[in-house]
N, C-alpha and C. Protein backbone atom coordinates (compact mmCIF):
# COMPACT_ATOMS: atom_id res chain seq x y z
N MET A 1 -16.80 20.13 -24.74
CA MET A 1 -15.81 18.94 -24.35
C MET A 1 -15.03 19.04 -25.78
N GLY A 2 -14.05 19.60 -26.34
CA GLY A 2 -13.01 19.25 -27.41
C GLY A 2 -12.80 17.76 -27.65
N ALA A 3 -12.51 17.52 -28.82
CA ALA A 3 -12.38 16.39 -29.44
C ALA A 3 -11.45 15.63 -28.50
N ASP A 4 -10.15 16.10 -28.29
CA ASP A 4 -9.13 15.50 -27.83
C ASP A 4 -9.58 15.31 -26.29
N GLN A 5 -10.14 16.15 -25.69
CA GLN A 5 -10.69 15.84 -24.11
C GLN A 5 -11.70 14.71 -24.17
N THR A 6 -12.48 14.76 -25.06
CA THR A 6 -13.47 13.30 -25.13
C THR A 6 -12.65 11.76 -25.44
N TYR A 7 -11.70 12.28 -26.26
CA TYR A 7 -10.67 10.92 -26.61
C TYR A 7 -9.91 10.63 -25.46
N THR A 8 -9.46 11.53 -24.61
CA THR A 8 -8.75 11.23 -23.32
C THR A 8 -9.73 10.69 -22.36
N ALA A 9 -10.83 11.33 -22.20
CA ALA A 9 -11.88 10.53 -21.31
C ALA A 9 -12.68 9.10 -21.42
N GLN A 10 -12.61 9.01 -22.91
CA GLN A 10 -12.86 7.51 -23.39
C GLN A 10 -11.86 6.65 -22.99
N ILE A 11 -10.62 6.88 -23.18
CA ILE A 11 -9.24 6.31 -22.96
C ILE A 11 -8.98 5.99 -21.81
N GLU A 12 -9.56 7.09 -20.25
CA GLU A 12 -9.37 6.42 -19.03
C GLU A 12 -10.14 5.81 -18.71
N ALA A 13 -11.46 6.00 -19.00
CA ALA A 13 -12.60 5.24 -19.03
C ALA A 13 -12.41 3.42 -19.47
N LEU A 14 -11.84 3.52 -20.25
CA LEU A 14 -11.41 1.84 -20.86
C LEU A 14 -10.79 1.44 -20.05
N SER A 15 -9.38 2.25 -19.65
CA SER A 15 -8.54 1.82 -18.85
C SER A 15 -8.95 1.19 -17.50
N LYS A 16 -9.69 2.11 -16.76
CA LYS A 16 -10.70 1.78 -15.82
C LYS A 16 -10.95 0.81 -15.70
N LEU A 17 -11.89 0.29 -16.75
CA LEU A 17 -12.92 -0.91 -16.62
C LEU A 17 -11.70 -2.07 -17.10
N ARG A 18 -10.78 -1.93 -17.82
CA ARG A 18 -9.80 -3.05 -17.87
C ARG A 18 -9.04 -3.57 -16.83
N ARG A 19 -8.89 -2.50 -15.61
CA ARG A 19 -8.29 -2.49 -14.45
C ARG A 19 -9.32 -3.08 -13.28
N GLY A 20 -10.68 -3.08 -13.35
CA GLY A 20 -11.63 -3.34 -12.67
C GLY A 20 -11.51 -2.25 -11.77
N GLY A 21 -11.14 -0.98 -11.72
CA GLY A 21 -11.25 0.20 -10.98
C GLY A 21 -10.56 -0.18 -9.76
N GLU A 22 -9.31 -0.97 -9.89
CA GLU A 22 -8.43 -1.00 -8.83
C GLU A 22 -7.66 0.16 -8.68
N GLN A 23 -7.29 0.05 -7.14
CA GLN A 23 -6.89 1.48 -6.66
C GLN A 23 -5.86 0.64 -5.83
N LYS A 24 -4.42 1.43 -5.68
CA LYS A 24 -3.38 1.30 -5.18
C LYS A 24 -3.13 2.49 -3.98
N VAL A 25 -2.56 2.33 -3.09
CA VAL A 25 -2.03 2.79 -2.08
C VAL A 25 -0.84 2.93 -1.54
N ARG A 26 0.23 3.55 -1.58
CA ARG A 26 1.39 3.18 -1.66
C ARG A 26 1.92 4.19 -0.13
N VAL A 27 2.08 3.83 0.97
CA VAL A 27 2.87 4.32 2.05
C VAL A 27 4.28 4.10 1.89
N GLU A 28 4.91 5.42 2.26
CA GLU A 28 6.36 5.30 2.26
C GLU A 28 6.62 5.59 3.70
N HIS A 29 5.80 6.29 4.59
CA HIS A 29 6.40 6.90 5.90
C HIS A 29 5.71 6.46 6.76
N VAL A 30 5.51 6.02 8.05
CA VAL A 30 4.59 6.06 9.00
C VAL A 30 5.45 6.14 10.17
N HIS A 31 4.70 6.97 11.26
CA HIS A 31 5.25 7.21 12.81
C HIS A 31 4.67 5.70 13.82
N VAL A 32 5.27 5.04 14.23
CA VAL A 32 4.60 4.30 15.36
C VAL A 32 5.34 4.72 16.63
N TYR A 33 4.59 5.15 17.66
CA TYR A 33 4.88 5.73 18.94
C TYR A 33 4.64 4.66 19.74
N GLU A 34 5.86 4.78 21.14
CA GLU A 34 5.86 3.93 21.98
C GLU A 34 4.35 3.49 22.01
N GLY A 35 4.31 2.05 22.45
CA GLY A 35 3.13 1.32 22.86
C GLY A 35 1.94 1.38 21.55
N GLY A 36 2.63 1.81 20.67
CA GLY A 36 1.55 1.58 19.14
C GLY A 36 2.25 -0.17 18.57
N GLN A 37 0.88 -0.11 17.66
CA GLN A 37 1.42 -1.24 16.76
C GLN A 37 1.11 -1.10 15.08
N ALA A 38 1.59 -1.61 14.64
CA ALA A 38 1.88 -1.55 13.17
C ALA A 38 1.89 -2.70 12.42
N VAL A 39 1.37 -2.67 11.09
CA VAL A 39 1.28 -4.06 9.99
C VAL A 39 2.45 -3.74 9.13
N VAL A 40 3.56 -4.40 8.87
CA VAL A 40 4.77 -3.92 8.29
C VAL A 40 4.55 -4.72 7.01
N GLY A 41 4.64 -4.65 5.78
CA GLY A 41 4.67 -5.49 4.94
C GLY A 41 3.46 -5.41 3.92
N ASP A 42 3.09 -6.31 2.82
CA ASP A 42 2.13 -5.83 1.74
C ASP A 42 1.00 -6.60 2.66
N VAL A 43 -0.46 -5.59 2.37
CA VAL A 43 -1.70 -6.02 2.97
C VAL A 43 -2.44 -6.21 1.76
N THR A 44 -3.21 -7.08 1.50
CA THR A 44 -4.12 -6.98 0.37
C THR A 44 -5.64 -7.25 0.69
N VAL A 45 -6.69 -6.19 0.46
CA VAL A 45 -7.67 -6.48 0.87
C VAL A 45 -8.72 -6.46 -0.57
N ASN A 46 -9.72 -7.23 -0.72
CA ASN A 46 -10.50 -6.94 -2.00
C ASN A 46 -11.40 -6.38 -1.40
N SER A 47 -11.89 -5.24 -1.53
CA SER A 47 -13.04 -4.55 -1.01
C SER A 47 -14.08 -4.71 -1.85
N GLY A 48 -15.21 -4.84 -1.33
CA GLY A 48 -16.69 -5.28 -1.89
C GLY A 48 -16.84 -6.29 -2.38
N SER A 49 -16.03 -7.03 -2.19
CA SER A 49 -16.07 -8.80 -2.50
C SER A 49 -16.71 -9.49 -1.64
N GLY A 50 -17.10 -8.64 -0.48
CA GLY A 50 -17.70 -9.48 0.87
C GLY A 50 -16.66 -10.57 1.73
N GLN A 51 -15.49 -10.22 1.46
CA GLN A 51 -14.68 -11.25 1.66
C GLN A 51 -14.10 -10.32 3.24
N ARG A 52 -13.71 -11.08 4.13
CA ARG A 52 -12.71 -10.60 5.45
C ARG A 52 -11.55 -10.15 4.86
N CYS A 53 -10.95 -9.06 5.45
CA CYS A 53 -9.63 -8.78 5.37
C CYS A 53 -8.91 -9.51 6.38
N GLU A 54 -7.81 -10.38 5.65
CA GLU A 54 -6.92 -11.17 6.77
C GLU A 54 -5.86 -10.19 7.05
N ILE A 55 -5.68 -10.13 8.36
CA ILE A 55 -4.20 -9.60 8.47
C ILE A 55 -2.97 -10.52 9.04
N PRO A 56 -2.19 -10.08 8.51
CA PRO A 56 -0.79 -11.66 8.91
C PRO A 56 -0.83 -11.59 10.22
N LYS A 57 -0.16 -12.82 10.55
CA LYS A 57 -0.09 -13.47 11.89
C LYS A 57 0.85 -12.16 12.23
N ARG A 58 0.66 -12.04 13.94
CA ARG A 58 1.34 -11.09 14.54
C ARG A 58 2.91 -11.44 14.42
N SER A 59 3.68 -10.29 14.46
CA SER A 59 5.27 -10.34 14.34
C SER A 59 5.45 -10.12 15.94
N THR A 60 6.88 -10.91 15.92
CA THR A 60 7.49 -10.81 17.54
C THR A 60 7.70 -8.88 17.76
N GLY A 61 7.97 -8.38 16.51
CA GLY A 61 8.69 -7.06 16.92
C GLY A 61 10.33 -7.27 16.75
N GLN A 62 10.78 -8.31 16.66
CA GLN A 62 12.20 -8.50 16.39
C GLN A 62 12.38 -8.53 15.16
N VAL A 63 13.74 -8.00 15.15
CA VAL A 63 14.43 -8.13 13.55
C VAL A 63 15.33 -9.16 13.63
N LYS A 64 14.93 -10.48 12.79
CA LYS A 64 15.86 -11.32 12.58
C LYS A 64 17.32 -11.38 12.54
N ASN A 65 17.99 -10.37 11.90
CA ASN A 65 19.43 -10.18 11.73
C ASN A 65 19.86 -8.80 11.80
N PRO A 66 19.74 -8.14 12.93
CA PRO A 66 19.81 -6.91 13.15
C PRO A 66 21.29 -6.36 12.36
N SER A 67 22.35 -7.24 12.34
CA SER A 67 23.70 -6.61 11.80
C SER A 67 23.48 -6.13 10.35
N LYS A 68 22.23 -6.63 9.88
CA LYS A 68 22.35 -6.33 8.25
C LYS A 68 21.21 -4.96 8.28
N LEU A 69 21.00 -4.40 9.38
CA LEU A 69 19.85 -3.34 9.23
C LEU A 69 21.36 -1.86 9.09
N PRO A 70 20.70 -0.98 8.09
CA PRO A 70 21.63 0.16 8.17
C PRO A 70 21.87 0.83 9.64
N PRO A 71 22.76 1.46 9.61
CA PRO A 71 22.88 2.62 10.70
C PRO A 71 21.73 3.41 10.92
N LEU A 72 21.48 3.85 12.39
CA LEU A 72 20.10 4.75 12.51
C LEU A 72 20.26 6.13 11.63
N SER A 73 21.45 6.68 11.74
CA SER A 73 21.74 7.99 10.92
C SER A 73 21.12 7.84 9.49
N ASP A 74 21.39 6.61 8.93
CA ASP A 74 21.22 6.25 7.64
C ASP A 74 19.73 5.92 7.45
N ARG A 75 18.93 5.23 8.22
CA ARG A 75 17.44 4.99 8.24
C ARG A 75 16.26 6.01 8.60
N PHE A 76 17.09 7.40 9.26
CA PHE A 76 15.97 8.38 9.84
C PHE A 76 16.76 9.56 8.77
N ARG A 77 16.85 9.97 7.81
CA ARG A 77 17.27 11.05 7.06
C ARG A 77 16.38 11.66 6.62
């Protein structure tokens, strides 16, 4: 391993230690079929902390102001 690779590995390890090994997953597209259920919004889980994952209260599935939604043709491109 060269000096540059060693330095890069050390910087990456230091960064990981500073942020606590935190990982984030960003989901940009999900299919929910008829009869299916989904949680829409930010979900935070503290894995490894022994805490239970709390799911937000159930949504009614209704949009509060449907007139502000873009047309279907714009939403499903």
